[in-house]
């Protein structure tokens, strides 16, 4: 007795290929939707923090994070933890490289009711700052930051200290370019949105919290551009106030 071997017909193969194509198309579309949602979340988060910062200053005539602890407890309430590490030095700015003041920003804003979250403050190091109980995180689980810094790209060799919102690390470079296009000029070394400086950082800095890999940027100075398509994923940017 002989058996006749059977295989797939051309029609069956075509149907399978169509189904595979639809699945792949749906997967890619889903990834695009997710990336778009994360981008919008980063923009909304920045907008909310900017509004909270200005509202806090209007109400208390003090800078969140920089306000001294005893004054914060007096004006905001006993919800502010007691101790010098839960406030600043009262010099009118959130000092460069000062994780104590940078963490107190979120503690003050949260207890005052300007942002959600039970941020505890009292942090003095980058590792502690990124634990999740100290500062808000972006959709890529990178801690955001608001402080004076000069770790951003600029056409000047030594950019000035500016109050800046750091969008948080671990952001893909393609997303940052889209963010720059929506909020600014799409260029990482000019305008309000800037890429952060790659490479080693000094003592008066925020280290990994505010640093991007070199692969995130192509070119230098005015010729710098976001390295779209490079696959760089440990990137961040600042919004200069």
Protein backbone atom coordinates (compact mmCIF):
# COMPACT_ATOMS: atom_id res chain seq x y z
CA UNK A 1 0.00 0.00 0.00
CA UNK A 2 1.42 3.40 -0.97
CA UNK A 3 0.71 6.77 0.55
CA UNK A 4 0.60 10.03 -1.35
CA UNK A 5 2.53 12.82 0.43
CA UNK A 6 0.58 15.98 1.02
CA UNK A 7 1.76 19.54 1.59
CA UNK A 8 0.34 23.01 1.89
CA UNK A 9 -1.33 24.49 -1.12
CA UNK A 10 -0.38 27.92 -2.41
CA UNK A 11 -3.68 29.26 -1.10
CA UNK A 12 -2.97 27.94 2.40
CA UNK A 13 0.56 29.40 2.38
CA UNK A 14 -0.80 32.75 1.21
CA UNK A 15 -3.35 32.77 4.03
CA UNK A 16 -0.63 32.00 6.61
CA UNK A 17 1.55 34.81 5.24
CA UNK A 18 -1.34 37.26 5.41
CA UNK A 19 -2.03 36.28 9.04
CA UNK A 20 1.66 36.64 9.97
CA UNK A 21 1.74 40.03 8.26
CA UNK A 22 -1.31 41.19 10.18
CA UNK A 23 0.18 40.02 13.48
CA UNK A 24 3.48 41.79 12.79
CA UNK A 25 1.67 44.94 11.70
CA UNK A 26 -0.40 44.89 14.88
CA UNK A 27 2.71 44.39 17.00
CA UNK A 28 4.52 47.32 15.38
CA UNK A 29 1.42 49.49 15.67
CA UNK A 30 1.14 48.56 19.33
CA UNK A 31 4.76 49.54 19.95
CA UNK A 32 4.16 52.89 18.25
CA UNK A 33 1.08 53.51 20.38
CA UNK A 34 3.01 52.64 23.55
CA UNK A 35 5.91 54.93 22.59
CA UNK A 36 3.47 57.74 21.84
CA UNK A 37 1.73 57.26 25.19
CA UNK A 38 5.06 57.38 27.02
CA UNK A 39 6.04 60.54 25.17
CA UNK A 40 2.79 62.26 26.10
CA UNK A 41 3.22 61.12 29.70
CA UNK A 42 6.66 62.75 29.87
CA UNK A 43 5.30 66.01 28.48
CA UNK A 44 2.36 66.05 30.90
CA UNK A 45 4.64 65.22 33.82
CA UNK A 46 6.93 68.14 32.98
CA UNK A 47 3.99 70.52 32.56
CA UNK A 48 2.57 69.47 35.93
CA UNK A 49 5.90 69.95 37.71
CA UNK A 50 6.43 73.35 36.12
CA UNK A 51 2.97 74.48 37.24
CA UNK A 52 3.54 73.08 40.74
CA UNK A 53 6.88 74.85 41.09
CA UNK A 54 5.45 78.26 40.17
CA UNK A 55 2.33 77.74 42.29
CA UNK A 56 4.49 76.87 45.31
CA UNK A 57 6.56 80.04 44.84
CA UNK A 58 3.43 82.14 44.49
CA UNK A 59 1.93 80.76 47.70
CA UNK A 60 4.98 80.64 49.97
CA UNK A 61 7.39 83.13 48.36
CA UNK A 62 10.03 80.42 48.73
CA UNK A 63 11.72 77.93 46.41
CA UNK A 64 10.66 74.30 47.00
CA UNK A 65 13.61 72.23 48.13
CA UNK A 66 15.61 75.32 49.02
CA UNK A 67 13.24 76.40 51.83
CA UNK A 68 14.86 75.77 55.22
CA UNK A 69 13.31 72.96 57.22
CA UNK A 70 12.02 74.98 60.17
CA UNK A 71 10.39 77.47 57.83
CA UNK A 72 8.88 74.68 55.72
CA UNK A 73 7.37 73.07 58.82
CA UNK A 74 5.98 76.44 59.87
CA UNK A 75 4.47 77.39 56.51
CA UNK A 76 3.52 74.00 55.03
CA UNK A 77 2.82 72.03 58.19
CA UNK A 78 3.99 69.17 60.37
CA UNK A 79 3.77 66.81 57.39
CA UNK A 80 7.26 68.05 56.52
CA UNK A 81 9.78 65.74 58.20
CA UNK A 82 11.84 67.34 60.93
CA UNK A 83 15.56 67.81 60.31
CA UNK A 84 17.86 70.04 58.27
CA UNK A 85 18.18 67.35 55.58
CA UNK A 86 14.49 67.84 54.71
CA UNK A 87 15.04 71.37 53.49
CA UNK A 88 17.67 73.63 51.96
CA UNK A 89 19.85 76.56 52.87
CA UNK A 90 17.41 79.29 51.87
CA UNK A 91 19.72 80.94 49.31
CA UNK A 92 16.96 81.20 46.71
CA UNK A 93 17.96 78.34 44.42
CA UNK A 94 18.03 74.52 44.25
CA UNK A 95 21.79 74.14 44.34
CA UNK A 96 23.87 72.33 41.72
CA UNK A 97 24.74 68.77 42.67
CA UNK A 98 22.84 69.01 45.96
CA UNK A 99 20.71 65.88 46.27
CA UNK A 100 19.45 67.06 49.64
CA UNK A 101 17.72 70.07 48.08
CA UNK A 102 16.76 68.13 44.94
CA UNK A 103 14.97 65.51 47.02
CA UNK A 104 13.40 68.15 49.27
CA UNK A 105 11.77 69.65 46.15
CA UNK A 106 9.41 66.68 45.83
CA UNK A 107 8.88 66.38 49.59
CA UNK A 108 7.82 70.02 49.84
CA UNK A 109 5.63 69.94 46.72
CA UNK A 110 3.90 66.70 47.76
CA UNK A 111 3.19 67.71 51.37
CA UNK A 112 1.94 71.12 50.16
CA UNK A 113 -0.49 69.29 47.87
CA UNK A 114 0.91 70.48 44.53
CA UNK A 115 1.89 67.00 43.29
CA UNK A 116 0.69 63.49 44.22
CA UNK A 117 2.94 61.00 45.98
CA UNK A 118 4.46 60.47 49.40
CA UNK A 119 8.01 61.53 48.60
CA UNK A 120 10.13 61.32 51.73
CA UNK A 121 13.08 63.64 51.00
CA UNK A 122 16.23 63.52 53.11
CA UNK A 123 18.46 62.02 50.41
CA UNK A 124 22.12 62.94 49.92
CA UNK A 125 23.30 60.51 47.21
CA UNK A 126 22.36 59.55 43.63
CA UNK A 127 21.65 55.91 44.50
CA UNK A 128 19.18 56.92 47.22
CA UNK A 129 17.58 59.52 44.98
CA UNK A 130 16.63 56.86 42.43
CA UNK A 131 14.95 54.45 44.84
CA UNK A 132 11.39 55.48 43.92
CA UNK A 133 10.33 56.95 47.28
CA UNK A 134 12.30 60.19 46.83
CA UNK A 135 11.50 61.52 43.35
CA UNK A 136 8.91 60.92 40.61
CA UNK A 137 9.95 58.59 37.79
CA UNK A 138 9.41 58.87 34.05
CA UNK A 139 7.71 56.05 32.06
CA UNK A 140 11.15 54.44 31.59
CA UNK A 141 11.75 54.28 35.36
CA UNK A 142 14.28 57.10 35.38
CA UNK A 143 14.08 59.58 38.27
CA UNK A 144 13.22 63.14 37.22
CA UNK A 145 14.93 66.14 38.80
CA UNK A 146 14.51 69.90 39.17
CA UNK A 147 17.58 71.96 40.12
CA UNK A 148 20.30 74.33 39.00
CA UNK A 149 22.79 72.61 36.69
CA UNK A 150 25.13 73.13 33.77
CA UNK A 151 25.28 69.54 32.50
CA UNK A 152 23.62 70.28 29.17
CA UNK A 153 24.77 70.79 25.59
CA UNK A 154 25.38 74.35 24.49
CA UNK A 155 27.18 76.26 21.76
CA UNK A 156 29.33 77.76 24.54
CA UNK A 157 32.23 75.75 25.93
CA UNK A 158 31.03 76.39 29.48
CA UNK A 159 27.24 76.82 29.62
CA UNK A 160 25.83 78.87 32.51
CA UNK A 161 24.01 77.42 35.48
CA UNK A 162 20.28 77.30 34.80
CA UNK A 163 17.27 76.02 36.65
CA UNK A 164 16.38 72.91 34.67
CA UNK A 165 13.91 70.05 34.69
CA UNK A 166 15.60 66.72 33.93
CA UNK A 167 13.22 64.37 32.11
CA UNK A 168 14.85 61.31 33.70
CA UNK A 169 17.27 58.73 32.37
CA UNK A 170 16.76 55.53 30.32
CA UNK A 171 14.83 57.30 27.55
CA UNK A 172 15.42 56.07 23.96
CA UNK A 173 17.02 58.74 21.80
CA UNK A 174 14.21 58.57 19.21
CA UNK A 175 11.69 59.49 21.91
CA UNK A 176 13.79 62.44 23.06
CA UNK A 177 13.98 63.81 19.54
CA UNK A 178 10.19 63.62 19.27
CA UNK A 179 9.90 65.35 22.64
CA UNK A 180 12.31 68.09 21.48
CA UNK A 181 10.31 68.54 18.28
CA UNK A 182 7.05 68.93 20.21
CA UNK A 183 8.37 71.30 22.88
CA UNK A 184 11.17 73.14 21.09
CA UNK A 185 13.34 73.23 17.95
CA UNK A 186 14.37 69.56 17.63
CA UNK A 187 18.07 70.38 18.17
CA UNK A 188 19.87 69.10 21.28
CA UNK A 189 22.28 72.05 21.74
CA UNK A 190 19.92 75.02 21.28
CA UNK A 191 16.57 76.23 22.58
CA UNK A 192 14.83 75.30 25.82
CA UNK A 193 15.16 71.52 25.45
CA UNK A 194 18.78 70.31 25.55
CA UNK A 195 20.53 66.99 25.65
CA UNK A 196 22.55 66.34 28.78
CA UNK A 197 26.33 66.05 28.72
CA UNK A 198 27.79 62.57 28.15
CA UNK A 199 30.94 61.25 29.76
CA UNK A 200 32.42 61.87 33.19
CA UNK A 201 30.84 64.40 35.52
CA UNK A 202 32.41 66.49 38.27
CA UNK A 203 31.71 66.72 41.97
CA UNK A 204 29.12 69.51 41.60
CA UNK A 205 26.77 67.49 39.43
CA UNK A 206 23.91 65.06 39.57
CA UNK A 207 25.83 62.12 38.10
CA UNK A 208 23.87 59.32 36.45
CA UNK A 209 20.55 61.01 37.20
CA UNK A 210 21.37 63.78 34.69
CA UNK A 211 23.83 62.08 32.31
CA UNK A 212 23.38 60.66 28.81
CA UNK A 213 25.56 58.20 26.93
CA UNK A 214 27.74 59.61 24.15
CA UNK A 215 25.80 57.51 21.61
CA UNK A 216 22.71 59.68 22.13
CA UNK A 217 24.17 62.61 20.16
CA UNK A 218 25.87 63.02 16.79
CA UNK A 219 28.12 66.00 16.05
CA UNK A 220 29.06 68.93 18.27
CA UNK A 221 28.07 72.54 18.84
CA UNK A 222 25.43 73.90 16.50
CA UNK A 223 25.90 70.82 14.30
CA UNK A 224 24.83 68.46 17.09
CA UNK A 225 21.77 66.32 16.43
CA UNK A 226 19.89 63.53 18.13
CA UNK A 227 21.38 60.19 16.99
CA UNK A 228 18.06 58.84 15.73
CA UNK A 229 18.26 55.19 14.73
CA UNK A 230 21.38 54.50 16.80
CA UNK A 231 19.41 52.47 19.33
CA UNK A 232 20.86 54.51 22.20
CA UNK A 233 18.65 53.98 25.23
CA UNK A 234 20.38 55.62 28.22
CA UNK A 235 19.57 59.20 27.26
CA UNK A 236 17.92 62.18 28.89
CA UNK A 237 17.30 65.86 28.28
CA UNK A 238 16.59 69.00 30.25
CA UNK A 239 14.06 71.77 29.90
CA UNK A 240 15.72 75.07 30.80
CA UNK A 241 13.53 77.45 32.81
